[in-house]
């Protein structure tokens, strides 16, 4: 039986004041029983997905689409909360979803996906 699909929108803000520069539509997403997919939000600056830092024991088979506009991973449904970092490339530079220390108050924390 195939899993359901949980889609999360990713936004890039290259303004130096943005902290972090990459944000996800749900900071704390319940993905229990779902394959996870990240896509470019409709209202974002153009970018390519570069990578995903996430527990590969729980979320194996991470893939970036050929046109670099989607990223996905399977889900073994191990119970827990998993912080992750998304890295994208735009304007010749890599940007990610980790808030930067020492640059004022971050606009949020690292995104988390959860299995219950």
Protein backbone atom coordinates (compact mmCIF):
# COMPACT_ATOMS: atom_id res chain seq x y z
CA UNK A 1 0.00 0.00 0.00
CA UNK A 2 1.42 3.40 -0.94
CA UNK A 3 1.70 6.12 1.65
CA UNK A 4 -0.17 9.39 1.64
CA UNK A 5 1.77 12.45 0.55
CA UNK A 6 2.43 15.48 2.80
CA UNK A 7 3.50 18.52 0.76
CA UNK A 8 5.27 21.46 2.38
CA UNK A 9 5.89 24.78 0.59
CA UNK A 10 9.38 26.29 0.80
CA UNK A 11 10.05 30.02 0.54
CA UNK A 12 13.35 31.83 -0.05
CA UNK A 13 13.99 35.41 1.07
CA UNK A 14 17.46 36.66 0.04
CA UNK A 15 17.14 39.85 2.07
CA UNK A 16 20.15 39.85 4.45
CA UNK A 17 17.81 40.75 7.33
CA UNK A 18 15.78 37.55 6.87
CA UNK A 19 16.76 34.99 9.50
CA UNK A 20 16.50 32.26 8.39
CA UNK A 21 16.44 32.89 4.64
CA UNK A 22 14.62 29.64 3.88
CA UNK A 23 11.28 28.93 5.56
CA UNK A 24 8.77 26.10 5.34
CA UNK A 25 4.98 26.46 5.29
CA UNK A 26 4.67 24.46 8.51
CA UNK A 27 7.32 24.96 11.20
CA UNK A 28 6.09 21.84 12.98
CA UNK A 29 4.48 19.38 10.55
CA UNK A 30 2.86 16.07 11.44
CA UNK A 31 3.92 13.62 8.71
CA UNK A 32 2.83 10.35 10.36
CA UNK A 33 1.98 7.82 7.65
CA UNK A 34 3.04 10.17 4.85
CA UNK A 35 5.82 10.42 2.32
CA UNK A 36 7.15 14.00 2.59
CA UNK A 37 7.57 16.38 -0.36
CA UNK A 38 8.89 19.94 -0.37
CA UNK A 39 8.09 22.26 -3.30
CA UNK A 40 8.79 25.88 -4.18
CA UNK A 41 6.03 28.12 -2.86
CA UNK A 42 4.17 30.09 -5.53
CA UNK A 43 5.16 33.47 -4.12
CA UNK A 44 8.90 32.92 -3.59
CA UNK A 45 12.13 33.91 -5.25
CA UNK A 46 13.27 31.30 -7.79
CA UNK A 47 15.69 28.64 -6.44
CA UNK A 48 16.94 25.09 -6.87
CA UNK A 49 16.82 22.52 -4.07
CA UNK A 50 20.36 21.47 -3.08
CA UNK A 51 19.88 19.18 -0.10
CA UNK A 52 18.13 18.08 3.02
CA UNK A 53 19.75 17.38 6.38
CA UNK A 54 17.40 14.93 8.10
CA UNK A 55 17.72 11.63 9.99
CA UNK A 56 18.21 9.17 7.10
CA UNK A 57 17.45 6.18 9.31
CA UNK A 58 13.86 7.43 9.64
CA UNK A 59 13.54 9.34 6.34
CA UNK A 60 15.54 7.37 3.75
CA UNK A 61 15.56 7.71 -0.02
CA UNK A 62 15.81 11.48 -0.14
CA UNK A 63 15.53 12.67 -3.73
CA UNK A 64 15.65 15.94 -5.63
CA UNK A 65 13.67 16.08 -8.88
CA UNK A 66 15.50 16.46 -12.19
CA UNK A 67 14.48 20.11 -12.54
CA UNK A 68 15.48 20.75 -8.88
CA UNK A 69 12.04 22.20 -8.09
CA UNK A 70 10.88 19.37 -5.77
CA UNK A 71 12.49 17.32 -3.03
CA UNK A 72 11.02 14.29 -1.30
CA UNK A 73 11.77 11.45 1.09
CA UNK A 74 10.10 8.30 2.31
CA UNK A 75 9.14 7.85 5.97
CA UNK A 76 9.62 4.81 8.20
CA UNK A 77 7.20 6.32 10.75
CA UNK A 78 9.56 5.99 13.73
CA UNK A 79 7.94 8.01 16.51
CA UNK A 80 9.63 11.30 17.34
CA UNK A 81 10.25 14.92 16.42
CA UNK A 82 12.96 15.51 13.82
CA UNK A 83 14.60 18.88 13.17
CA UNK A 84 15.89 19.34 9.67
CA UNK A 85 17.65 21.81 7.40
CA UNK A 86 16.76 22.53 3.79
CA UNK A 87 19.44 24.06 1.57
CA UNK A 88 18.59 25.81 -1.69
CA UNK A 89 20.68 27.66 -4.30
CA UNK A 90 19.82 31.02 -5.85
CA UNK A 91 21.82 33.93 -7.22
CA UNK A 92 25.00 31.82 -7.08
CA UNK A 93 24.74 31.25 -3.33
CA UNK A 94 23.46 28.54 -0.97
CA UNK A 95 20.75 29.52 1.55
CA UNK A 96 19.30 27.35 4.32
CA UNK A 97 16.58 27.04 6.94
CA UNK A 98 18.83 27.23 10.02
CA UNK A 99 18.50 30.48 11.98
CA UNK A 100 21.84 32.32 12.22
CA UNK A 101 23.29 32.99 15.66
CA UNK A 102 24.40 36.49 16.57
CA UNK A 103 22.40 38.23 13.84
CA UNK A 104 19.50 39.58 15.85
CA UNK A 105 16.41 37.67 16.85
CA UNK A 106 15.65 34.79 14.46
CA UNK A 107 12.22 34.81 12.82
CA UNK A 108 11.79 31.17 13.84
CA UNK A 109 13.44 27.89 14.73
CA UNK A 110 14.63 25.06 12.51
CA UNK A 111 11.63 23.31 10.97
CA UNK A 112 10.49 20.04 12.57
CA UNK A 113 8.63 17.05 11.20
CA UNK A 114 6.91 14.68 13.58
CA UNK A 115 5.78 11.09 13.58
CA UNK A 116 3.30 10.07 16.27
